Amino acid sequence: MLVEDNEEVAAGLSAVLEVFGWQSRHELTGDAALELLDDGATFDLILSDIQMPGVNNGIDVAEKVRRMWPKQAIALMTGYADEFERATSIGVTILSKPFNIDDLQALLHSAAPATR
């Protein structure tokens, strides 16, 4: 699942994910992503921006996912250095925007189920 409020960024990232053989579902807010997870949806990886509108930003999503679904793979993306401290305390991978395509591919490889 890709959680990104900027639709242009999401479209580009979804296209890259597809090239790498991944399907993605896009949600515009952390609130929508958490609702989807609460409804029982499962994903190989949740890749979420940190800065988003709504009640739950990406860090909030990561904290709740870690608490409720501790085995769920999740990574955060941000272009803001001041968010790194709180984000790193959760223990998730953080991609700094703009990130290198090789970093994304390494993240996907580490999150891939054994069947990929």
PDB file of N, CA and C in Angstrom:
ATOM      1  N   MET A   1       0.856  -1.167   0.000  1.00  0.00           N
ATOM      2  CA  MET A   1       0.000   0.000   0.000  1.00  0.00           C
ATOM      3  C   MET A   1       0.900   1.226   0.000  1.00  0.00           C
ATOM      4  N   LEU A   2       0.574   2.159  -0.849  1.00  0.00           N
ATOM      5  CA  LEU A   2       1.278   3.431  -0.944  1.00  0.00           C
ATOM      6  C   LEU A   2       0.391   4.506  -0.333  1.00  0.00           C
ATOM      7  N   VAL A   3       0.901   5.207   0.678  1.00  0.00           N
ATOM      8  CA  VAL A   3       0.145   6.261   1.348  1.00  0.00           C
ATOM      9  C   VAL A   3       0.859   7.571   1.055  1.00  0.00           C
ATOM     10  N   GLU A   4       0.268   8.370   0.192  1.00  0.00           N
ATOM     11  CA  GLU A   4       0.906   9.599  -0.292  1.00  0.00           C
ATOM     12  C   GLU A   4      -0.174  10.589  -0.694  1.00  0.00           C
ATOM     13  N   ASP A   5      -0.125  11.804  -0.133  1.00  0.00           N
ATOM     14  CA  ASP A   5      -1.159  12.791  -0.424  1.00  0.00           C
ATOM     15  C   ASP A   5      -0.946  13.523  -1.742  1.00  0.00           C
ATOM     16  N   ASN A   6       0.248  13.484  -2.290  1.00  0.00           N
ATOM     17  CA  ASN A   6       0.522  14.126  -3.568  1.00  0.00           C
ATOM     18  C   ASN A   6       0.269  13.107  -4.675  1.00  0.00           C
ATOM     19  N   GLU A   7      -0.797  13.340  -5.435  1.00  0.00           N
ATOM     20  CA  GLU A   7      -1.201  12.351  -6.438  1.00  0.00           C
ATOM     21  C   GLU A   7      -0.176  12.177  -7.553  1.00  0.00           C
ATOM     22  N   GLU A   8       0.543  13.238  -7.908  1.00  0.00           N
ATOM     23  CA  GLU A   8       1.565  13.118  -8.951  1.00  0.00           C
ATOM     24  C   GLU A   8       2.727  12.255  -8.469  1.00  0.00           C
ATOM     25  N   VAL A   9       3.161  12.471  -7.236  1.00  0.00           N
ATOM     26  CA  VAL A   9       4.226  11.651  -6.659  1.00  0.00           C
ATOM     27  C   VAL A   9       3.764  10.203  -6.572  1.00  0.00           C
ATOM     28  N   ALA A  10       2.534   9.998  -6.137  1.00  0.00           N
ATOM     29  CA  ALA A  10       1.989   8.648  -6.007  1.00  0.00           C
ATOM     30  C   ALA A  10       1.929   7.947  -7.362  1.00  0.00           C
ATOM     31  N   ALA A  11       1.512   8.670  -8.399  1.00  0.00           N
ATOM     32  CA  ALA A  11       1.427   8.056  -9.729  1.00  0.00           C
ATOM     33  C   ALA A  11       2.808   7.641 -10.224  1.00  0.00           C
ATOM     34  N   GLY A  12       3.792   8.500 -10.031  1.00  0.00           N
ATOM     35  CA  GLY A  12       5.155   8.166 -10.441  1.00  0.00           C
ATOM     36  C   GLY A  12       5.712   6.988  -9.668  1.00  0.00           C
ATOM     37  N   LEU A  13       5.491   6.999  -8.371  1.00  0.00           N
ATOM     38  CA  LEU A  13       5.986   5.920  -7.527  1.00  0.00           C
ATOM     39  C   LEU A  13       5.268   4.607  -7.841  1.00  0.00           C
ATOM     40  N   SER A  14       3.981   4.676  -8.088  1.00  0.00           N
ATOM     41  CA  SER A  14       3.225   3.471  -8.469  1.00  0.00           C
ATOM     42  C   SER A  14       3.764   2.881  -9.768  1.00  0.00           C
ATOM     43  N   ALA A  15       4.118   3.749 -10.710  1.00  0.00           N
ATOM     44  CA  ALA A  15       4.675   3.277 -11.985  1.00  0.00           C
ATOM     45  C   ALA A  15       6.012   2.576 -11.766  1.00  0.00           C
ATOM     46  N   VAL A  16       6.850   3.132 -10.896  1.00  0.00           N
ATOM     47  CA  VAL A  16       8.143   2.503 -10.593  1.00  0.00           C
ATOM     48  C   VAL A  16       7.920   1.158  -9.905  1.00  0.00           C
ATOM     49  N   LEU A  17       6.996   1.119  -8.957  1.00  0.00           N
ATOM     50  CA  LEU A  17       6.691  -0.138  -8.278  1.00  0.00           C
ATOM     51  C   LEU A  17       6.248  -1.199  -9.276  1.00  0.00           C
ATOM     52  N   GLU A  18       5.434  -0.801 -10.234  1.00  0.00           N
ATOM     53  CA  GLU A  18       4.951  -1.745 -11.248  1.00  0.00           C
ATOM     54  C   GLU A  18       6.103  -2.280 -12.093  1.00  0.00           C
ATOM     55  N   VAL A  19       7.041  -1.401 -12.447  1.00  0.00           N
ATOM     56  CA  VAL A  19       8.218  -1.835 -13.203  1.00  0.00           C
ATOM     57  C   VAL A  19       8.990  -2.898 -12.427  1.00  0.00           C
ATOM     58  N   PHE A  20       9.032  -2.745 -11.102  1.00  0.00           N
ATOM     59  CA  PHE A  20       9.725  -3.699 -10.241  1.00  0.00           C
ATOM     60  C   PHE A  20       8.885  -4.945  -9.947  1.00  0.00           C
ATOM     61  N   GLY A  21       7.676  -5.019 -10.523  1.00  0.00           N
ATOM     62  CA  GLY A  21       6.851  -6.206 -10.368  1.00  0.00           C
ATOM     63  C   GLY A  21       5.897  -6.176  -9.183  1.00  0.00           C
ATOM     64  N   TRP A  22       5.674  -5.000  -8.629  1.00  0.00           N
ATOM     65  CA  TRP A  22       4.786  -4.856  -7.476  1.00  0.00           C
ATOM     66  C   TRP A  22       3.490  -4.183  -7.898  1.00  0.00           C
ATOM     67  N   GLN A  23       2.388  -4.610  -7.302  1.00  0.00           N
ATOM     68  CA  GLN A  23       1.114  -3.916  -7.457  1.00  0.00           C
ATOM     69  C   GLN A  23       0.959  -3.015  -6.242  1.00  0.00           C
ATOM     70  N   SER A  24       0.347  -1.863  -6.446  1.00  0.00           N
ATOM     71  CA  SER A  24       0.160  -0.985  -5.284  1.00  0.00           C
ATOM     72  C   SER A  24      -1.269  -0.482  -5.220  1.00  0.00           C
ATOM     73  N   ARG A  25      -1.684  -0.273  -4.019  1.00  0.00           N
ATOM     74  CA  ARG A  25      -2.962   0.390  -3.768  1.00  0.00           C
ATOM     75  C   ARG A  25      -2.607   1.726  -3.151  1.00  0.00           C
ATOM     76  N   HIS A  26      -3.193   2.786  -3.674  1.00  0.00           N
ATOM     77  CA  HIS A  26      -2.861   4.128  -3.220  1.00  0.00           C
ATOM     78  C   HIS A  26      -3.946   4.676  -2.306  1.00  0.00           C
ATOM     79  N   GLU A  27      -3.523   5.222  -1.178  1.00  0.00           N
ATOM     80  CA  GLU A  27      -4.414   5.940  -0.271  1.00  0.00           C
ATOM     81  C   GLU A  27      -3.842   7.341  -0.071  1.00  0.00           C
ATOM     82  N   LEU A  28      -4.716   8.344  -0.015  1.00  0.00           N
ATOM     83  CA  LEU A  28      -4.283   9.737   0.080  1.00  0.00           C
ATOM     84  C   LEU A  28      -3.930  10.193   1.491  1.00  0.00           C
ATOM     85  N   THR A  29      -4.429   9.489   2.499  1.00  0.00           N
ATOM     86  CA  THR A  29      -4.192   9.910   3.880  1.00  0.00           C
ATOM     87  C   THR A  29      -3.876   8.717   4.770  1.00  0.00           C
ATOM     88  N   GLY A  30      -3.222   9.021   5.883  1.00  0.00           N
ATOM     89  CA  GLY A  30      -2.978   7.987   6.878  1.00  0.00           C
ATOM     90  C   GLY A  30      -4.270   7.467   7.465  1.00  0.00           C
ATOM     91  N   ASP A  31      -5.247   8.358   7.604  1.00  0.00           N
ATOM     92  CA  ASP A  31      -6.552   7.955   8.135  1.00  0.00           C
ATOM     93  C   ASP A  31      -7.196   6.884   7.254  1.00  0.00           C
ATOM     94  N   ALA A  32      -7.156   7.105   5.934  1.00  0.00           N
ATOM     95  CA  ALA A  32      -7.735   6.138   4.996  1.00  0.00           C
ATOM     96  C   ALA A  32      -6.965   4.819   5.031  1.00  0.00           C
ATOM     97  N   ALA A  33      -5.652   4.898   5.160  1.00  0.00           N
ATOM     98  CA  ALA A  33      -4.836   3.679   5.222  1.00  0.00           C
ATOM     99  C   ALA A  33      -5.170   2.867   6.463  1.00  0.00           C
ATOM    100  N   LEU A  34      -5.278   3.526   7.606  1.00  0.00           N
ATOM    101  CA  LEU A  34      -5.604   2.815   8.846  1.00  0.00           C
ATOM    102  C   LEU A  34      -6.993   2.203   8.795  1.00  0.00           C
ATOM    103  N   GLU A  35      -7.928   2.897   8.166  1.00  0.00           N
ATOM    104  CA  GLU A  35      -9.284   2.367   8.025  1.00  0.00           C
ATOM    105  C   GLU A  35      -9.265   1.087   7.179  1.00  0.00           C
ATOM    106  N   LEU A  36      -8.496   1.109   6.121  1.00  0.00           N
ATOM    107  CA  LEU A  36      -8.370  -0.053   5.253  1.00  0.00           C
ATOM    108  C   LEU A  36      -7.763  -1.235   6.016  1.00  0.00           C
ATOM    109  N   LEU A  37      -6.740  -0.970   6.802  1.00  0.00           N
ATOM    110  CA  LEU A  37      -6.121  -2.026   7.613  1.00  0.00           C
ATOM    111  C   LEU A  37      -7.078  -2.540   8.679  1.00  0.00           C
ATOM    112  N   ASP A  38      -7.822  -1.634   9.297  1.00  0.00           N
ATOM    113  CA  ASP A  38      -8.820  -2.038  10.300  1.00  0.00           C
ATOM    114  C   ASP A  38      -9.879  -2.951   9.696  1.00  0.00           C
ATOM    115  N   ASP A  39     -10.154  -2.752   8.399  1.00  0.00           N
ATOM    116  CA  ASP A  39     -11.145  -3.577   7.709  1.00  0.00           C
ATOM    117  C   ASP A  39     -10.584  -4.938   7.292  1.00  0.00           C
ATOM    118  N   GLY A  40      -9.302  -5.190   7.598  1.00  0.00           N
ATOM    119  CA  GLY A  40      -8.725  -6.499   7.333  1.00  0.00           C
ATOM    120  C   GLY A  40      -7.833  -6.609   6.115  1.00  0.00           C
ATOM    121  N   ALA A  41      -7.606  -5.501   5.414  1.00  0.00           N
ATOM    122  CA  ALA A  41      -6.727  -5.553   4.247  1.00  0.00           C
ATOM    123  C   ALA A  41      -5.304  -5.875   4.687  1.00  0.00           C
ATOM    124  N   THR A  42      -4.588  -6.631   3.865  1.00  0.00           N
ATOM    125  CA  THR A  42      -3.203  -6.965   4.157  1.00  0.00           C
ATOM    126  C   THR A  42      -2.320  -6.616   2.962  1.00  0.00           C
ATOM    127  N   PHE A  43      -1.073  -6.292   3.262  1.00  0.00           N
ATOM    128  CA  PHE A  43      -0.138  -5.856   2.234  1.00  0.00           C
ATOM    129  C   PHE A  43       1.247  -6.403   2.548  1.00  0.00           C
ATOM    130  N   ASP A  44       2.047  -6.639   1.508  1.00  0.00           N
ATOM    131  CA  ASP A  44       3.429  -7.043   1.716  1.00  0.00           C
ATOM    132  C   ASP A  44       4.225  -5.915   2.358  1.00  0.00           C
ATOM    133  N   LEU A  45       3.880  -4.675   1.997  1.00  0.00           N
ATOM    134  CA  LEU A  45       4.606  -3.503   2.479  1.00  0.00           C
ATOM    135  C   LEU A  45       3.673  -2.306   2.499  1.00  0.00           C
ATOM    136  N   ILE A  46       3.812  -1.494   3.522  1.00  0.00           N
ATOM    137  CA  ILE A  46       3.164  -0.186   3.556  1.00  0.00           C
ATOM    138  C   ILE A  46       4.274   0.835   3.397  1.00  0.00           C
ATOM    139  N   LEU A  47       4.172   1.654   2.375  1.00  0.00           N
ATOM    140  CA  LEU A  47       5.138   2.714   2.105  1.00  0.00           C
ATOM    141  C   LEU A  47       4.389   4.029   2.233  1.00  0.00           C
ATOM    142  N   SER A  48       4.720   4.788   3.280  1.00  0.00           N
ATOM    143  CA  SER A  48       3.932   5.973   3.603  1.00  0.00           C
ATOM    144  C   SER A  48       4.789   7.233   3.690  1.00  0.00           C
ATOM    145  N   ASP A  49       4.267   8.294   3.108  1.00  0.00           N
ATOM    146  CA  ASP A  49       4.849   9.614   3.320  1.00  0.00           C
ATOM    147  C   ASP A  49       4.616   9.971   4.784  1.00  0.00           C
ATOM    148  N   ILE A  50       5.406  10.875   5.323  1.00  0.00           N
ATOM    149  CA  ILE A  50       5.197  11.303   6.707  1.00  0.00           C
ATOM    150  C   ILE A  50       4.227  12.472   6.769  1.00  0.00           C
ATOM    151  N   GLN A  51       4.462  13.494   5.976  1.00  0.00           N
ATOM    152  CA  GLN A  51       3.608  14.685   6.000  1.00  0.00           C
ATOM    153  C   GLN A  51       2.352  14.458   5.172  1.00  0.00           C
ATOM    154  N   MET A  52       1.212  14.403   5.853  1.00  0.00           N
ATOM    155  CA  MET A  52      -0.068  14.223   5.165  1.00  0.00           C
ATOM    156  C   MET A  52      -1.167  14.935   5.921  1.00  0.00           C
ATOM    157  N   PRO A  53      -2.223  15.304   5.223  1.00  0.00           N
ATOM    158  CA  PRO A  53      -3.368  15.900   5.921  1.00  0.00           C
ATOM    159  C   PRO A  53      -4.124  14.837   6.719  1.00  0.00           C
ATOM    160  N   GLY A  54      -4.943  15.293   7.621  1.00  0.00           N
ATOM    161  CA  GLY A  54      -5.760  14.376   8.406  1.00  0.00           C
ATOM    162  C   GLY A  54      -5.240  14.245   9.818  1.00  0.00           C
ATOM    163  N   VAL A  55      -5.878  13.385  10.567  1.00  0.00           N
ATOM    164  CA  VAL A  55      -5.528  13.174  11.970  1.00  0.00           C
ATOM    165  C   VAL A  55      -4.198  12.431  12.096  1.00  0.00           C
ATOM    166  N   ASN A  56      -3.981  11.418  11.272  1.00  0.00           N
ATOM    167  CA  ASN A  56      -2.803  10.554  11.374  1.00  0.00           C
ATOM    168  C   ASN A  56      -1.809  10.821  10.250  1.00  0.00           C
ATOM    169  N   ASN A  57      -0.613  11.318  10.619  1.00  0.00           N
ATOM    170  CA  ASN A  57       0.428  11.452   9.608  1.00  0.00           C
ATOM    171  C   ASN A  57       1.130  10.100   9.468  1.00  0.00           C
ATOM    172  N   GLY A  58       2.167  10.025   8.673  1.00  0.00           N
ATOM    173  CA  GLY A  58       2.837   8.754   8.434  1.00  0.00           C
ATOM    174  C   GLY A  58       3.459   8.142   9.676  1.00  0.00           C
ATOM    175  N   ILE A  59       4.003   8.985  10.557  1.00  0.00           N
ATOM    176  CA  ILE A  59       4.597   8.472  11.791  1.00  0.00           C
ATOM    177  C   ILE A  59       3.511   7.869  12.674  1.00  0.00           C
ATOM    178  N   ASP A  60       2.365   8.546  12.749  1.00  0.00           N
ATOM    179  CA  ASP A  60       1.240   7.998  13.521  1.00  0.00           C
ATOM    180  C   ASP A  60       0.811   6.649  12.949  1.00  0.00           C
ATOM    181  N   VAL A  61       0.755   6.566  11.632  1.00  0.00           N
ATOM    182  CA  VAL A  61       0.382   5.303  10.979  1.00  0.00           C
ATOM    183  C   VAL A  61       1.385   4.218  11.361  1.00  0.00           C
ATOM    184  N   ALA A  62       2.675   4.530  11.262  1.00  0.00           N
ATOM    185  CA  ALA A  62       3.705   3.543  11.580  1.00  0.00           C
ATOM    186  C   ALA A  62       3.605   3.084  13.030  1.00  0.00           C
ATOM    187  N   GLU A  63       3.385   4.012  13.941  1.00  0.00           N
ATOM    188  CA  GLU A  63       3.258   3.646  15.355  1.00  0.00           C
ATOM    189  C   GLU A  63       2.063   2.722  15.583  1.00  0.00           C
ATOM    190  N   LYS A  64       0.937   3.045  14.961  1.00  0.00           N
ATOM    191  CA  LYS A  64      -0.265   2.225  15.137  1.00  0.00           C
ATOM    192  C   LYS A  64      -0.111   0.862  14.474  1.00  0.00           C
ATOM    193  N   VAL A  65       0.520   0.835  13.309  1.00  0.00           N
ATOM    194  CA  VAL A  65       0.755  -0.447  12.631  1.00  0.00           C
ATOM    195  C   VAL A  65       1.670  -1.317  13.478  1.00  0.00           C
ATOM    196  N   ARG A  66       2.739  -0.730  14.021  1.00  0.00           N
ATOM    197  CA  ARG A  66       3.665  -1.492  14.875  1.00  0.00           C
ATOM    198  C   ARG A  66       2.949  -2.074  16.093  1.00  0.00           C
ATOM    199  N   ARG A  67       2.027  -1.318  16.646  1.00  0.00           N
ATOM    200  CA  ARG A  67       1.298  -1.756  17.836  1.00  0.00           C
ATOM    201  C   ARG A  67       0.251  -2.822  17.503  1.00  0.00           C
ATOM    202  N   MET A  68      -0.489  -2.622  16.405  1.00  0.00           N
ATOM    203  CA  MET A  68      -1.620  -3.500  16.096  1.00  0.00           C
ATOM    204  C   MET A  68      -1.240  -4.690  15.209  1.00  0.00           C
ATOM    205  N   TRP A  69      -0.293  -4.490  14.298  1.00  0.00           N
ATOM    206  CA  TRP A  69       0.132  -5.536  13.367  1.00  0.00           C
ATOM    207  C   TRP A  69       1.665  -5.557  13.351  1.00  0.00           C
ATOM    208  N   PRO A  70       2.286  -6.047  14.405  1.00  0.00           N
ATOM    209  CA  PRO A  70       3.740  -5.929  14.560  1.00  0.00           C
ATOM    210  C   PRO A  70       4.578  -6.598  13.467  1.00  0.00           C
ATOM    211  N   LYS A  71       4.017  -7.541  12.744  1.00  0.00           N
ATOM    212  CA  LYS A  71       4.779  -8.209  11.679  1.00  0.00           C
ATOM    213  C   LYS A  71       4.648  -7.504  10.330  1.00  0.00           C
ATOM    214  N   GLN A  72       3.813  -6.491  10.248  1.00  0.00           N
ATOM    215  CA  GLN A  72       3.602  -5.771   8.990  1.00  0.00           C
ATOM    216  C   GLN A  72       4.845  -4.962   8.620  1.00  0.00           C
ATOM    217  N   ALA A  73       5.356  -5.163   7.409  1.00  0.00           N
ATOM    218  CA  ALA A  73       6.478  -4.355   6.916  1.00  0.00           C
ATOM    219  C   ALA A  73       5.981  -2.957   6.602  1.00  0.00           C
ATOM    220  N   ILE A  74       6.712  -1.949   7.090  1.00  0.00           N
ATOM    221  CA  ILE A  74       6.335  -0.564   6.839  1.00  0.00           C
ATOM    222  C   ILE A  74       7.590   0.275   6.708  1.00  0.00           C
ATOM    223  N   ALA A  75       7.546   1.235   5.807  1.00  0.00           N
ATOM    224  CA  ALA A  75       8.644   2.179   5.616  1.00  0.00           C
ATOM    225  C   ALA A  75       8.037   3.558   5.428  1.00  0.00           C
ATOM    226  N   LEU A  76       8.791   4.568   5.826  1.00  0.00           N
ATOM    227  CA  LEU A  76       8.339   5.948   5.719  1.00  0.00           C
ATOM    228  C   LEU A  76       9.202   6.721   4.741  1.00  0.00           C
ATOM    229  N   MET A  77       8.594   7.723   4.108  1.00  0.00           N
ATOM    230  CA  MET A  77       9.300   8.613   3.190  1.00  0.00           C
ATOM    231  C   MET A  77       9.128  10.041   3.691  1.00  0.00           C
ATOM    232  N   THR A  78      10.198  10.825   3.594  1.00  0.00           N
ATOM    233  CA  THR A  78      10.086  12.223   3.972  1.00  0.00           C
ATOM    234  C   THR A  78      11.166  13.059   3.314  1.00  0.00           C
ATOM    235  N   GLY A  79      10.854  14.306   3.142  1.00  0.00           N
ATOM    236  CA  GLY A  79      11.827  15.271   2.665  1.00  0.00           C
ATOM    237  C   GLY A  79      12.219  16.238   3.762  1.00  0.00           C
ATOM    238  N   TYR A  80      11.758  15.995   4.984  1.00  0.00           N
ATOM    239  CA  TYR A  80      11.979  16.907   6.100  1.00  0.00           C
ATOM    240  C   TYR A  80      12.884  16.269   7.145  1.00  0.00           C
ATOM    241  N   ALA A  81      14.049  16.847   7.359  1.00  0.00           N
ATOM    242  CA  ALA A  81      15.024  16.292   8.301  1.00  0.00           C
ATOM    243  C   ALA A  81      14.527  16.325   9.740  1.00  0.00           C
ATOM    244  N   ASP A  82      13.687  17.283  10.093  1.00  0.00           N
ATOM    245  CA  ASP A  82      13.242  17.401  11.483  1.00  0.00           C
ATOM    246  C   ASP A  82      12.327  16.254  11.918  1.00  0.00           C
ATOM    247  N   GLU A  83      11.835  15.460  10.981  1.00  0.00           N
ATOM    248  CA  GLU A  83      10.955  14.340  11.324  1.00  0.00           C
ATOM    249  C   GLU A  83      11.722  13.049  11.570  1.00  0.00           C
ATOM    250  N   PHE A  84      13.008  13.038  11.248  1.00  0.00           N
ATOM    251  CA  PHE A  84      13.788  11.811  11.355  1.00  0.00           C
ATOM    252  C   PHE A  84      13.872  11.269  12.779  1.00  0.00           C
ATOM    253  N   GLU A  85      14.029  12.138  13.770  1.00  0.00           N
ATOM    254  CA  GLU A  85      14.218  11.662  15.139  1.00  0.00           C
ATOM    255  C   GLU A  85      13.020  10.840  15.619  1.00  0.00           C
ATOM    256  N   ARG A  86      11.827  11.394  15.484  1.00  0.00           N
ATOM    257  CA  ARG A  86      10.643  10.643  15.910  1.00  0.00           C
ATOM    258  C   ARG A  86      10.459   9.391  15.058  1.00  0.00           C
ATOM    259  N   ALA A  87      10.691   9.516  13.760  1.00  0.00           N
ATOM    260  CA  ALA A  87      10.499   8.376  12.856  1.00  0.00           C
ATOM    261  C   ALA A  87      11.487   7.252  13.150  1.00  0.00           C
ATOM    262  N   THR A  88      12.731   7.585  13.444  1.00  0.00           N
ATOM    263  CA  THR A  88      13.718   6.536  13.698  1.00  0.00           C
ATOM    264  C   THR A  88      13.450   5.820  15.013  1.00  0.00           C
ATOM    265  N   SER A  89      12.788   6.483  15.948  1.00  0.00           N
ATOM    266  CA  SER A  89      12.499   5.847  17.235  1.00  0.00           C
ATOM    267  C   SER A  89      11.487   4.700  17.097  1.00  0.00           C
ATOM    268  N   ILE A  90      10.761   4.660  16.008  1.00  0.00           N
ATOM    269  CA  ILE A  90       9.773   3.601  15.765  1.00  0.00           C
ATOM    270  C   ILE A  90      10.462   2.322  15.284  1.00  0.00           C
ATOM    271  N   GLY A  91      11.628   2.487  14.668  1.00  0.00           N
ATOM    272  CA  GLY A  91      12.339   1.323  14.162  1.00  0.00           C
ATOM    273  C   GLY A  91      11.902   0.891  12.782  1.00  0.00           C
ATOM    274  N   VAL A  92      11.520   1.841  11.934  1.00  0.00           N
ATOM    275  CA  VAL A  92      11.149   1.518  10.558  1.00  0.00           C
ATOM    276  C   VAL A  92      12.165   2.131   9.606  1.00  0.00           C
ATOM    277  N   THR A  93      12.220   1.598   8.403  1.00  0.00           N
ATOM    278  CA  THR A  93      13.086   2.150   7.370  1.00  0.00           C
ATOM    279  C   THR A  93      12.561   3.510   6.946  1.00  0.00           C
ATOM    280  N   ILE A  94      13.473   4.441   6.720  1.00  0.00           N
ATOM    281  CA  ILE A  94      13.087   5.778   6.283  1.00  0.00           C
ATOM    282  C   ILE A  94      13.827   6.096   4.994  1.00  0.00           C
ATOM    283  N   LEU A  95      13.067   6.461   3.981  1.00  0.00           N
ATOM    284  CA  LEU A  95      13.643   6.900   2.716  1.00  0.00           C
ATOM    285  C   LEU A  95      13.564   8.423   2.664  1.00  0.00           C
ATOM    286  N   SER A  96      14.702   9.066   2.437  1.00  0.00           N
ATOM    287  CA  SER A  96      14.732  10.521   2.329  1.00  0.00           C
ATOM    288  C   SER A  96      14.369  10.925   0.905  1.00  0.00           C
ATOM    289  N   LYS A  97      13.374  11.786   0.779  1.00  0.00           N
ATOM    290  CA  LYS A  97      12.985  12.286  -0.545  1.00  0.00           C
ATOM    291  C   LYS A  97      13.937  13.413  -0.931  1.00  0.00           C
ATOM    292  N   PRO A  98      14.349  13.498  -2.170  1.00  0.00           N
ATOM    293  CA  PRO A  98      14.142  12.482  -3.206  1.00  0.00           C
ATOM    294  C   PRO A  98      15.088  11.312  -2.947  1.00  0.00           C
ATOM    295  N   PHE A  99      14.572  10.100  -3.101  1.00  0.00           N
ATOM    296  CA  PHE A  99      15.414   8.946  -2.824  1.00  0.00           C
ATOM    297  C   PHE A  99      15.885   8.295  -4.110  1.00  0.00           C
ATOM    298  N   ASN A 100      16.965   7.577  -3.976  1.00  0.00           N
ATOM    299  CA  ASN A 100      17.605   6.876  -5.066  1.00  0.00           C
ATOM    300  C   ASN A 100      16.763   5.644  -5.408  1.00  0.00           C
ATOM    301  N   ILE A 101      16.620   5.353  -6.666  1.00  0.00           N
ATOM    302  CA  ILE A 101      15.827   4.207  -7.108  1.00  0.00           C
ATOM    303  C   ILE A 101      16.407   2.898  -6.560  1.00  0.00           C
ATOM    304  N   ASP A 102      17.740   2.856  -6.384  1.00  0.00           N
ATOM    305  CA  ASP A 102      18.363   1.653  -5.822  1.00  0.00           C
ATOM    306  C   ASP A 102      17.949   1.449  -4.367  1.00  0.00           C
ATOM    307  N   ASP A 103      17.767   2.557  -3.621  1.00  0.00           N
ATOM    308  CA  ASP A 103      17.310   2.450  -2.233  1.00  0.00           C
ATOM    309  C   ASP A 103      15.899   1.880  -2.176  1.00  0.00           C
ATOM    310  N   LEU A 104      15.042   2.316  -3.094  1.00  0.00           N
ATOM    311  CA  LEU A 104      13.682   1.783  -3.158  1.00  0.00           C
ATOM    312  C   LEU A 104      13.710   0.301  -3.512  1.00  0.00           C
ATOM    313  N   GLN A 105      14.524  -0.057  -4.482  1.00  0.00           N
ATOM    314  CA  GLN A 105      14.598  -1.458  -4.884  1.00  0.00           C
ATOM    315  C   GLN A 105      15.118  -2.336  -3.739  1.00  0.00           C
ATOM    316  N   ALA A 106      16.087  -1.843  -2.980  1.00  0.00           N
ATOM    317  CA  ALA A 106      16.600  -2.596  -1.831  1.00  0.00           C
ATOM    318  C   ALA A 106      15.517  -2.768  -0.768  1.00  0.00           C
ATOM    319  N   LEU A 107      14.725  -1.710  -0.548  1.00  0.00           N
ATOM    320  CA  LEU A 107      13.616  -1.802   0.409  1.00  0.00           C
ATOM    321  C   LEU A 107      12.609  -2.849  -0.039  1.00  0.00           C
ATOM    322  N   LEU A 108      12.242  -2.822  -1.304  1.00  0.00           N
ATOM    323  CA  LEU A 108      11.283  -3.791  -1.830  1.00  0.00           C
ATOM    324  C   LEU A 108      11.824  -5.208  -1.713  1.00  0.00           C
ATOM    325  N   HIS A 109      13.096  -5.367  -2.000  1.00  0.00           N
ATOM    326  CA  HIS A 109      13.703  -6.693  -1.903  1.00  0.00           C
ATOM    327  C   HIS A 109      13.658  -7.209  -0.466  1.00  0.00           C
ATOM    328  N   SER A 110      13.921  -6.324   0.492  1.00  0.00           N
ATOM    329  CA  SER A 110      13.923  -6.757   1.898  1.00  0.00           C
ATOM    330  C   SER A 110      12.514  -7.062   2.400  1.00  0.00           C
ATOM    331  N   ALA A 111      11.500  -6.444   1.785  1.00  0.00           N
ATOM    332  CA  ALA A 111      10.109  -6.660   2.207  1.00  0.00           C
ATOM    333  C   ALA A 111       9.408  -7.769   1.444  1.00  0.00           C
ATOM    334  N   ALA A 112      10.054  -8.241   0.375  1.00  0.00           N
ATOM    335  CA  ALA A 112       9.408  -9.220  -0.498  1.00  0.00           C
ATOM    336  C   ALA A 112       9.186 -10.541   0.221  1.00  0.00           C
ATOM    337  N   PRO A 113       7.991 -11.086   0.078  1.00  0.00           N
ATOM    338  CA  PRO A 113       7.751 -12.432   0.609  1.00  0.00           C
ATOM    339  C   PRO A 113       8.585 -13.452  -0.160  1.00  0.00           C
ATOM    340  N   ALA A 114       8.789 -14.591   0.414  1.00  0.00           N
ATOM    341  CA  ALA A 114       9.642 -15.624  -0.186  1.00  0.00           C
ATOM    342  C   ALA A 114       9.160 -16.068  -1.556  1.00  0.00           C
ATOM    343  N   THR A 115       7.896 -15.841  -1.883  1.00  0.00           N
ATOM    344  CA  THR A 115       7.354 -16.288  -3.154  1.00  0.00           C
ATOM    345  C   THR A 115       7.703 -15.372  -4.313  1.00  0.00           C
ATOM    346  N   ARG A 116       8.221 -14.191  -4.068  1.00  0.00           N
ATOM    347  CA  ARG A 116       8.568 -13.258  -5.155  1.00  0.00           C
ATOM    348  C   ARG A 116       9.843 -13.662  -5.817  1.00  0.00           C
TER     349      ARG A 116
END
